Protein backbone atom coordinates (compact mmCIF):
# COMPACT_ATOMS: atom_id res chain seq x y z
CA MET A 1 0.00 0.00 0.00
CA ALA A 2 1.49 3.31 -1.12
CA ILE A 3 1.81 6.11 1.41
CA PRO A 4 -0.48 9.02 0.45
CA LEU A 5 1.03 12.42 -0.18
CA LEU A 6 1.40 14.38 3.04
CA GLN A 7 -0.94 17.37 3.07
CA TYR A 8 0.70 20.79 3.04
CA ALA A 9 -0.65 24.31 2.77
CA PRO A 10 0.81 27.47 1.18
CA LYS A 11 2.80 29.66 3.52
CA SER A 12 0.45 32.55 2.77
CA GLN A 13 -3.10 32.92 1.51
CA ASN A 14 -1.73 35.25 -1.16
CA GLU A 15 -0.48 32.16 -3.00
CA ARG A 16 -4.11 31.25 -3.77
CA VAL A 17 -5.00 34.67 -5.21
CA ALA A 18 -4.40 35.45 -8.87
CA GLY A 19 -1.96 38.35 -8.98
CA TYR A 20 -2.45 41.56 -10.90
CA GLU A 21 0.77 42.09 -12.83
CA VAL A 22 1.73 44.61 -15.47
CA GLY A 23 3.61 43.19 -18.43
CA SER A 24 7.35 43.92 -18.47
CA GLU A 25 10.65 42.30 -19.33
CA GLU A 26 10.43 40.32 -16.10
CA GLN A 27 7.41 38.41 -17.44
CA PRO A 28 8.33 34.97 -18.81
CA LYS A 29 7.66 34.07 -22.42
CA VAL A 30 5.18 31.22 -22.80
CA TYR A 31 6.13 28.43 -25.23
CA SER A 32 3.37 26.07 -26.31
CA THR A 33 2.50 23.62 -29.09
CA GLU A 34 -1.23 24.41 -29.07
CA ASN A 35 -0.76 26.12 -32.42
CA LEU A 36 1.42 24.23 -34.87
CA PRO A 37 4.84 25.94 -34.47
CA SER A 38 7.31 26.47 -37.27
CA PRO A 39 10.67 24.65 -37.17
CA THR A 40 12.33 27.76 -35.73
CA GLU A 41 9.66 28.10 -33.04
CA MET A 42 10.04 24.41 -32.22
CA ASP A 43 13.77 24.92 -31.74
CA GLU A 44 13.04 27.78 -29.33
CA LEU A 45 10.52 25.63 -27.47
CA ILE A 46 13.03 22.80 -27.05
CA TRP A 47 15.72 25.23 -25.92
CA ALA A 48 13.26 26.77 -23.41
CA SER A 49 12.55 23.29 -22.02
CA TYR A 50 16.26 22.62 -21.47
CA ARG A 51 16.69 26.04 -19.90
CA GLN A 52 13.77 25.41 -17.53
CA VAL A 53 14.72 21.91 -16.37
CA PHE A 54 18.50 22.23 -16.34
CA SER A 55 20.40 25.15 -14.85
CA GLU A 56 22.37 27.44 -17.15
CA HIS A 57 25.76 25.86 -16.46
CA GLN A 58 24.35 22.34 -16.96
CA ILE A 59 23.20 22.85 -20.55
CA LEU A 60 25.83 20.91 -22.45
CA LYS A 61 25.80 19.14 -25.79
CA SER A 62 26.38 15.82 -24.04
CA ASN A 63 23.21 16.32 -21.95
CA ARG A 64 20.86 16.61 -24.94
CA GLN A 65 18.11 14.02 -25.31
CA THR A 66 18.05 13.75 -29.10
CA PHE A 67 15.57 10.85 -29.23
CA ALA A 68 13.02 12.74 -27.10
CA GLU A 69 13.58 15.85 -29.24
CA SER A 70 12.82 13.87 -32.39
CA GLN A 71 9.63 12.47 -30.88
CA LEU A 72 8.48 15.95 -29.88
CA ARG A 73 9.19 17.41 -33.32
CA TYR A 74 7.07 14.76 -35.04
CA GLY A 75 4.22 14.99 -32.54
CA GLN A 76 4.72 11.54 -31.03
CA ILE A 77 4.91 12.93 -27.49
CA THR A 78 3.58 16.05 -25.77
CA VAL A 79 5.56 18.80 -24.10
CA ARG A 80 4.75 17.26 -20.73
CA ASP A 81 6.25 13.96 -21.88
CA PHE A 82 9.34 15.82 -23.08
CA ILE A 83 9.72 17.49 -19.68
CA ARG A 84 9.42 14.04 -18.09
CA ALA A 85 12.16 12.72 -20.39
CA LEU A 86 14.47 15.57 -19.40
CA ALA A 87 13.76 15.29 -15.66
CA THR A 88 14.33 11.52 -15.65
CA SER A 89 17.37 11.56 -17.92
CA PRO A 90 20.67 10.20 -16.51
CA ALA A 91 22.31 13.60 -17.05
CA PHE A 92 19.74 15.45 -14.93
CA LEU A 93 19.79 12.82 -12.18
CA THR A 94 23.58 12.74 -12.08
CA LEU A 95 23.87 16.50 -11.76
CA ASN A 96 20.98 17.10 -9.38
CA TYR A 97 19.80 13.94 -7.62
CA GLU A 98 23.10 12.23 -6.85
CA THR A 99 24.70 15.43 -5.53
CA ASN A 100 21.87 16.51 -3.21
CA SER A 101 19.67 15.21 -0.46
CA ASN A 102 16.06 14.23 -1.13
CA TYR A 103 14.87 17.48 0.42
CA ARG A 104 17.03 19.61 -1.87
CA PHE A 105 16.15 17.52 -4.94
CA ALA A 106 12.43 17.89 -4.18
CA GLU A 107 12.90 21.65 -3.91
CA ILE A 108 14.72 21.78 -7.26
CA CYS A 109 12.00 19.80 -9.05
CA VAL A 110 9.19 21.92 -7.60
CA GLN A 111 10.98 25.05 -8.78
CA ARG A 112 11.77 23.73 -12.25
CA ILE A 113 8.60 21.73 -13.00
CA LEU A 114 5.86 23.49 -11.04
CA GLY A 115 7.40 26.92 -11.63
CA ARG A 116 7.25 28.18 -8.04
CA ASP A 117 9.32 28.13 -4.90
CA ILE A 118 8.74 25.56 -2.19
CA TYR A 119 6.02 26.52 0.28
CA ASN A 120 7.60 25.31 3.51
CA GLU A 121 9.51 22.47 5.13
CA ARG A 122 6.36 20.38 5.31
CA GLU A 123 6.16 20.29 1.51
CA LYS A 124 9.80 19.21 1.32
CA ILE A 125 9.07 16.35 3.68
CA ALA A 126 5.95 15.37 1.72
CA TRP A 127 7.77 15.11 -1.60
CA SER A 128 10.83 13.44 -0.04
CA ILE A 129 8.52 10.69 1.24
CA VAL A 130 7.35 10.17 -2.36
CA ILE A 131 10.98 9.90 -3.50
CA ALA A 132 11.70 7.32 -0.80
CA THR A 133 8.62 5.21 -1.54
CA LYS A 134 8.14 5.51 -5.31
CA GLY A 135 11.67 6.29 -6.45
CA VAL A 136 12.86 9.21 -8.53
CA GLU A 137 10.81 8.39 -11.64
CA GLY A 138 7.69 7.88 -9.54
CA PHE A 139 8.28 11.24 -7.90
CA ILE A 140 8.66 13.00 -11.27
CA ASP A 141 5.45 11.33 -12.48
CA ALA A 142 3.62 12.46 -9.34
CA VAL A 143 4.70 16.07 -9.90
CA LEU A 144 3.75 16.04 -13.60
CA ASP A 145 0.44 14.31 -12.90
CA SER A 146 -0.47 16.72 -10.10
CA GLU A 147 -3.49 18.96 -10.43
CA GLU A 148 -1.33 22.04 -9.98
CA TYR A 149 0.82 21.20 -13.00
CA LEU A 150 -2.11 20.34 -15.26
CA ASP A 151 -4.02 23.49 -14.30
CA ASN A 152 -1.09 25.80 -15.02
CA PHE A 153 0.74 24.16 -17.92
CA GLY A 154 -1.37 21.30 -19.23
CA TYR A 155 0.07 18.97 -21.85
CA ASP A 156 1.39 21.48 -24.38
CA THR A 157 3.04 24.35 -22.43
CA VAL A 158 6.63 24.49 -21.26
CA PRO A 159 6.78 25.19 -17.49
CA TYR A 160 7.98 28.65 -16.52
CA GLN A 161 8.65 30.51 -13.31
CA ARG A 162 5.38 31.94 -12.06
CA ARG A 163 5.18 35.18 -10.09
CA ARG A 164 8.80 36.11 -10.54
CA ILE A 165 7.94 39.77 -10.06
CA LEU A 166 8.34 40.92 -6.46
CA PRO A 167 5.92 43.54 -5.06
CA GLN A 168 7.30 47.08 -4.81
CA GLN A 169 10.64 46.10 -6.36
CA ALA A 170 12.09 47.14 -9.69
CA LYS A 171 13.65 43.73 -10.40
CA GLY A 172 12.15 40.31 -9.99
CA ASP A 173 13.40 37.27 -8.13
CA THR A 174 16.46 35.42 -9.39
CA PRO A 175 15.40 32.80 -11.98
CA PHE A 176 15.49 29.26 -10.72
CA ASN A 177 17.76 28.11 -13.52
CA LEU A 178 20.42 30.61 -12.42
CA LYS A 179 20.55 29.32 -8.85
CA THR A 180 23.19 26.71 -8.17
CA PRO A 181 21.60 23.29 -7.60
CA ARG A 182 24.40 21.90 -5.47
CA TYR A 183 25.57 22.44 -1.93
CA GLY A 184 22.39 23.15 -0.07
CA ALA A 185 22.35 23.85 3.66
CA TYR A 186 22.51 20.14 4.46
CA HIS A 187 25.62 19.42 2.38
CA ARG A 188 27.33 22.60 3.56
CA SER A 189 26.92 21.44 7.15
CA GLN A 190 28.27 17.98 6.21
CA LEU A 191 31.37 19.56 4.69
CA GLY A 192 31.91 21.85 7.67
CA PHE A 193 30.89 25.11 6.02
CA PRO A 194 30.98 27.93 6.85
CA GLN A 195 34.53 27.68 8.13
CA VAL A 196 35.89 30.26 10.54
CA VAL A 197 39.44 31.35 9.77
CA TRP A 198 41.26 32.87 12.73
CA GLN A 199 44.10 35.34 12.15
CA ASN A 200 46.66 36.29 14.73
CA GLN A 201 47.24 39.62 13.06
CA VAL A 202 44.42 42.10 12.66
CA ARG A 203 44.59 43.70 9.25
CA ARG A 204 43.18 47.07 8.45
CA PHE A 205 41.86 47.98 5.05
CA ILE A 206 43.48 51.07 3.59
CA PRO A 207 41.91 52.59 0.47
CA GLN A 208 44.11 52.88 -2.60
CA ASP A 209 44.08 56.68 -2.58
CA LYS A 210 45.24 56.79 1.06
CA ARG A 211 48.14 54.38 0.73
CA LEU A 212 51.63 55.95 0.98
CA ARG A 213 53.69 56.09 -2.16
CA GLU A 214 57.35 55.32 -2.38
CA GLY A 215 59.43 58.25 -1.14
CA ASP A 216 56.55 59.96 0.66
CA PRO A 217 57.97 61.95 3.67
CA ALA A 218 55.03 60.78 5.77
CA GLY A 219 56.49 57.29 5.65
CA TYR A 220 59.55 58.46 7.64
CA LEU A 221 57.51 60.00 10.46
CA GLY A 222 57.89 56.94 12.67
CA MET A 223 61.65 56.89 12.16
CA ALA A 224 61.96 60.57 13.01
CA ARG A 225 60.01 60.11 16.23
CA SER A 226 62.24 57.21 17.22
CA LEU A 227 65.30 59.44 16.81
CA ASN A 228 63.85 62.09 19.10
CA ASN A 229 63.26 59.55 21.85
CA ALA A 230 66.71 57.99 21.47
CA GLN A 231 69.19 58.42 24.37
CA GLY A 232 72.72 59.75 23.96
CA ASN A 233 75.88 57.68 24.03
CA PRO A 234 76.65 56.33 27.52
CA PRO A 235 79.84 57.62 29.24
CA PRO A 236 82.95 55.53 28.65
CA ARG A 237 83.84 53.04 31.32
CA VAL A 238 87.27 53.45 32.96
CA SER A 239 89.04 50.35 34.20
CA THR A 240 90.13 50.37 37.87
CA PHE A 241 93.55 49.08 36.89
CA ASN A 242 94.35 52.38 35.20
CA MET A 243 93.45 54.53 38.22
CA ASN A 244 96.25 56.02 40.42
CA TYR A 245 94.81 55.78 43.89
CA GLU A 246 97.86 57.35 45.56
CA ALA A 247 97.52 60.50 43.51
CA LEU A 248 93.81 60.72 44.24
CA VAL A 249 94.14 60.43 48.04
CA PRO A 250 94.47 63.93 49.59
CA ARG A 251 97.51 64.49 51.80
CA LYS A 252 97.79 66.73 54.87
CA LYS A 253 100.35 69.45 54.71
């Protein structure tokens, strides 16, 4: 008997409300196959799928899924099936699943596939239970078959980051595909990060314009002060063997 998905709620009721957003450069471009795209538009759609599932520094020629691309071009699979092929490919699992904990991997997949940030720790735990019970492919299927995915992207639309625009800010949130997928908080703690480096000598930062140049008289100020505080030469010592005691003793006349 499979364990049911743990129930979780959004961290705010605002997540349930459709936002009023003015179109700008921060708005994502929607790629879909609802209307028959041209070969150039299909290339852009495939590239957008790679850019959404993989991070920017993971998009390599060796990570391409050419067989899935061919099936998508000829209409044998849907966009949702192509996203499933990318998320379950050995390249994606090697770069993201094998280098992270289940909690971090669940967060990455929610960001890339559902197009939003994780709600809370309870959602991480819920999806990590699915990974542990159904495996990675079962987890990806559960995310793609979820009501949230089908309501927002359906079968023909490439997932995109939803609500990237932040209220009362000129720039939006950092895109998910630009965030590094490795070294989450768990792995940083395992590796001993952050590391505290102790220095015996306290260094002061001196701006470039305030640093002394070669030959600057101010650089000799310390030496001049040391000369003023220097003591004179001590008096010469006279050996007692060279002293004439008889001549020094006063005589009575």
